[in-house]
Amino acid sequence: MTQAVEKTSLYDRDFLLWTEDTVAKLRLGDFQELDLEHVIEEIEALGISQKKELLSHLTTLLEHILKRLYIPMSLEYNGWERTIREQRREIRVLLDQMPSLKNYWDSFFPKAWNFAMKDLQIEYPQIQFPREWQGEKDIKTMLDRAFWDTNLL
């Protein structure tokens, strides 16, 4: 009886070992032996991951700003404001490390808004949230303004 031997790549068998092997080959300049298909795939995935992270932080930021503005639960304000500060810090770190992510801000804002609104409408069906963001959407404003203190929304 003959058994078919399935040859799996190091990438498929042990991702950590594959990354270590790939780094070693890159450092040695051994480009001929690189698993280029998977190297390209992983580099693309890194970029996608960073974009998703920005979208996630922006969604959470919008959710908590809206909670702070529209939900009359003063005992929750401190927690919502803490989350707003945390999300703003995370966004700043991302944008400092990867300034080109700023290019996605305008296209991500409506997506983040829609995600935030869907969650908020489920969590707080009795609250009438605005259909669209009423304030400025630029990065500086979103990362600096305390909308609830300024009445500028």
Protein backbone atom coordinates (compact mmCIF):
# COMPACT_ATOMS: atom_id res chain seq x y z
CA MET A 1 0.00 0.00 0.00
CA THR A 2 1.44 3.34 -1.05
CA GLN A 3 0.81 6.41 1.04
CA ALA A 4 0.79 9.85 -0.49
CA VAL A 5 3.14 12.08 1.40
CA GLU A 6 1.79 15.58 1.73
CA LYS A 7 4.56 18.11 2.00
CA THR A 8 3.55 21.11 4.06
CA SER A 9 5.55 24.26 4.24
CA LEU A 10 7.24 25.50 7.38
CA TYR A 11 4.80 28.42 7.26
CA ASP A 12 1.89 25.98 7.58
CA ARG A 13 3.54 23.75 10.20
CA ASP A 14 4.98 26.33 12.58
CA PHE A 15 4.39 30.02 11.95
CA LEU A 16 6.74 31.20 14.72
CA LEU A 17 9.56 29.04 13.40
CA TRP A 18 8.82 30.33 9.89
CA THR A 19 9.13 33.95 11.07
CA GLU A 20 12.42 33.24 12.83
CA ASP A 21 13.76 31.40 9.78
CA THR A 22 12.65 34.22 7.47
CA VAL A 23 14.29 36.90 9.64
CA ALA A 24 17.52 34.89 9.73
CA LYS A 25 17.50 34.56 5.93
CA LEU A 26 16.83 38.26 5.49
CA ARG A 27 19.67 39.20 7.84
CA LEU A 28 22.04 36.91 5.95
CA GLY A 29 20.88 38.26 2.61
CA ASP A 30 19.74 34.77 1.60
CA PHE A 31 16.99 36.06 -0.65
CA GLN A 32 16.96 32.99 -2.90
CA GLU A 33 15.60 30.79 -0.13
CA LEU A 34 12.88 33.17 1.05
CA ASP A 35 9.27 32.05 0.98
CA LEU A 36 8.29 35.20 -0.94
CA GLU A 37 4.64 34.30 -1.37
CA HIS A 38 4.11 34.16 2.38
CA VAL A 39 6.40 37.14 3.08
CA ILE A 40 4.25 39.28 0.77
CA GLU A 41 1.06 37.90 2.33
CA GLU A 42 2.24 38.74 5.85
CA ILE A 43 3.38 42.25 4.95
CA GLU A 44 -0.01 42.93 3.34
CA ALA A 45 -1.70 41.59 6.47
CA LEU A 46 0.30 44.01 8.63
CA GLY A 47 -1.03 46.98 6.69
CA ILE A 48 -4.59 45.68 6.87
CA SER A 49 -4.22 45.10 10.60
CA GLN A 50 -3.11 48.69 11.23
CA LYS A 51 -6.06 50.05 9.26
CA LYS A 52 -8.47 47.85 11.20
CA GLU A 53 -6.93 49.04 14.45
CA LEU A 54 -7.50 52.69 13.52
CA LEU A 55 -11.09 51.95 12.51
CA SER A 56 -11.71 50.10 15.78
CA HIS A 57 -10.31 52.90 17.96
CA LEU A 58 -12.24 55.54 16.03
CA THR A 59 -15.47 53.54 16.41
CA THR A 60 -14.98 53.23 20.16
CA LEU A 61 -14.10 56.91 20.41
CA LEU A 62 -17.29 57.91 18.62
CA GLU A 63 -19.41 55.55 20.72
CA HIS A 64 -18.16 57.03 23.96
CA ILE A 65 -18.37 60.64 22.81
CA LEU A 66 -21.98 60.00 21.82
CA LYS A 67 -22.71 58.28 25.12
CA ARG A 68 -21.22 61.24 26.97
CA LEU A 69 -23.25 63.72 24.92
CA TYR A 70 -26.64 62.04 24.68
CA ILE A 71 -27.12 59.62 27.56
CA PRO A 72 -28.13 61.33 30.80
CA MET A 73 -26.31 59.03 33.19
CA SER A 74 -23.94 61.30 35.09
CA LEU A 75 -22.55 58.41 37.14
CA GLU A 76 -21.16 56.98 33.89
CA TYR A 77 -19.54 60.20 32.62
CA ASN A 78 -16.18 59.58 34.29
CA GLY A 79 -15.86 56.10 32.78
CA TRP A 80 -16.89 57.29 29.33
CA GLU A 81 -14.43 60.18 29.48
CA ARG A 82 -11.66 57.78 30.57
CA THR A 83 -12.41 55.58 27.56
CA ILE A 84 -12.37 58.65 25.30
CA ARG A 85 -8.92 59.60 26.63
CA GLU A 86 -7.65 56.03 26.14
CA GLN A 87 -8.93 55.82 22.57
CA ARG A 88 -7.49 59.21 21.72
CA ARG A 89 -4.11 58.14 23.11
CA GLU A 90 -4.20 54.90 21.10
CA ILE A 91 -5.09 56.80 17.93
CA ARG A 92 -2.26 59.30 18.52
CA VAL A 93 0.22 56.45 19.00
CA LEU A 94 -0.94 54.77 15.80
CA LEU A 95 -0.75 58.00 13.80
CA ASP A 96 2.67 58.87 15.23
CA GLN A 97 4.02 55.43 14.32
CA MET A 98 2.29 55.31 10.93
CA PRO A 99 1.55 58.83 9.68
CA SER A 100 0.18 57.50 6.39
CA LEU A 101 -2.83 56.17 8.33
CA LYS A 102 -4.01 59.80 8.42
CA ASN A 103 -4.83 59.35 4.73
CA TYR A 104 -7.61 56.93 5.72
CA TRP A 105 -9.26 59.13 8.36
CA ASP A 106 -11.88 60.70 6.08
CA SER A 107 -12.92 57.40 4.53
CA PHE A 108 -12.95 55.58 7.88
CA PHE A 109 -15.05 58.20 9.68
CA PRO A 110 -18.40 57.25 8.07
CA LYS A 111 -17.65 53.55 8.58
CA ALA A 112 -16.80 54.10 12.24
CA TRP A 113 -19.91 56.25 12.63
CA ASN A 114 -22.12 53.49 11.21
CA PHE A 115 -20.54 50.84 13.43
CA ALA A 116 -20.91 53.06 16.50
CA MET A 117 -24.52 53.91 15.72
CA LYS A 118 -25.52 50.27 15.21
CA ASP A 119 -24.08 49.33 18.59
CA LEU A 120 -25.54 52.33 20.38
CA GLN A 121 -29.01 51.83 18.93
CA ILE A 122 -28.99 48.25 20.21
CA GLU A 123 -27.61 49.21 23.63
CA TYR A 124 -29.76 52.34 24.08
CA PRO A 125 -32.88 52.00 21.90
CA GLN A 126 -34.69 54.70 23.90
CA ILE A 127 -32.09 57.38 23.05
CA GLN A 128 -32.52 59.48 19.92
CA PHE A 129 -28.99 59.82 18.51
CA PRO A 130 -28.29 62.13 15.56
CA ARG A 131 -28.33 60.52 12.13
CA GLU A 132 -25.01 62.13 11.23
CA TRP A 133 -22.04 63.50 13.14
CA GLN A 134 -22.85 67.13 13.89
CA GLY A 135 -19.35 68.44 14.58
CA GLU A 136 -16.04 68.75 12.83
CA LYS A 137 -14.49 65.44 11.82
CA ASP A 138 -10.85 66.37 11.40
CA ILE A 139 -8.23 64.48 13.37
CA LYS A 140 -7.17 67.39 15.59
CA THR A 141 -10.71 68.19 16.65
CA MET A 142 -11.62 64.57 17.32
CA LEU A 143 -8.49 64.01 19.38
CA ASP A 144 -8.60 67.24 21.39
CA ARG A 145 -12.08 68.65 21.86
CA ALA A 146 -14.20 67.94 24.92
CA PHE A 147 -17.45 68.30 22.98
CA TRP A 148 -19.58 68.06 26.13
CA ASP A 149 -17.80 71.05 27.71
CA THR A 150 -17.77 73.34 24.71
CA ASN A 151 -21.27 72.90 23.29
CA LEU A 152 -19.62 73.07 19.88
CA LEU A 153 -21.08 69.89 18.48
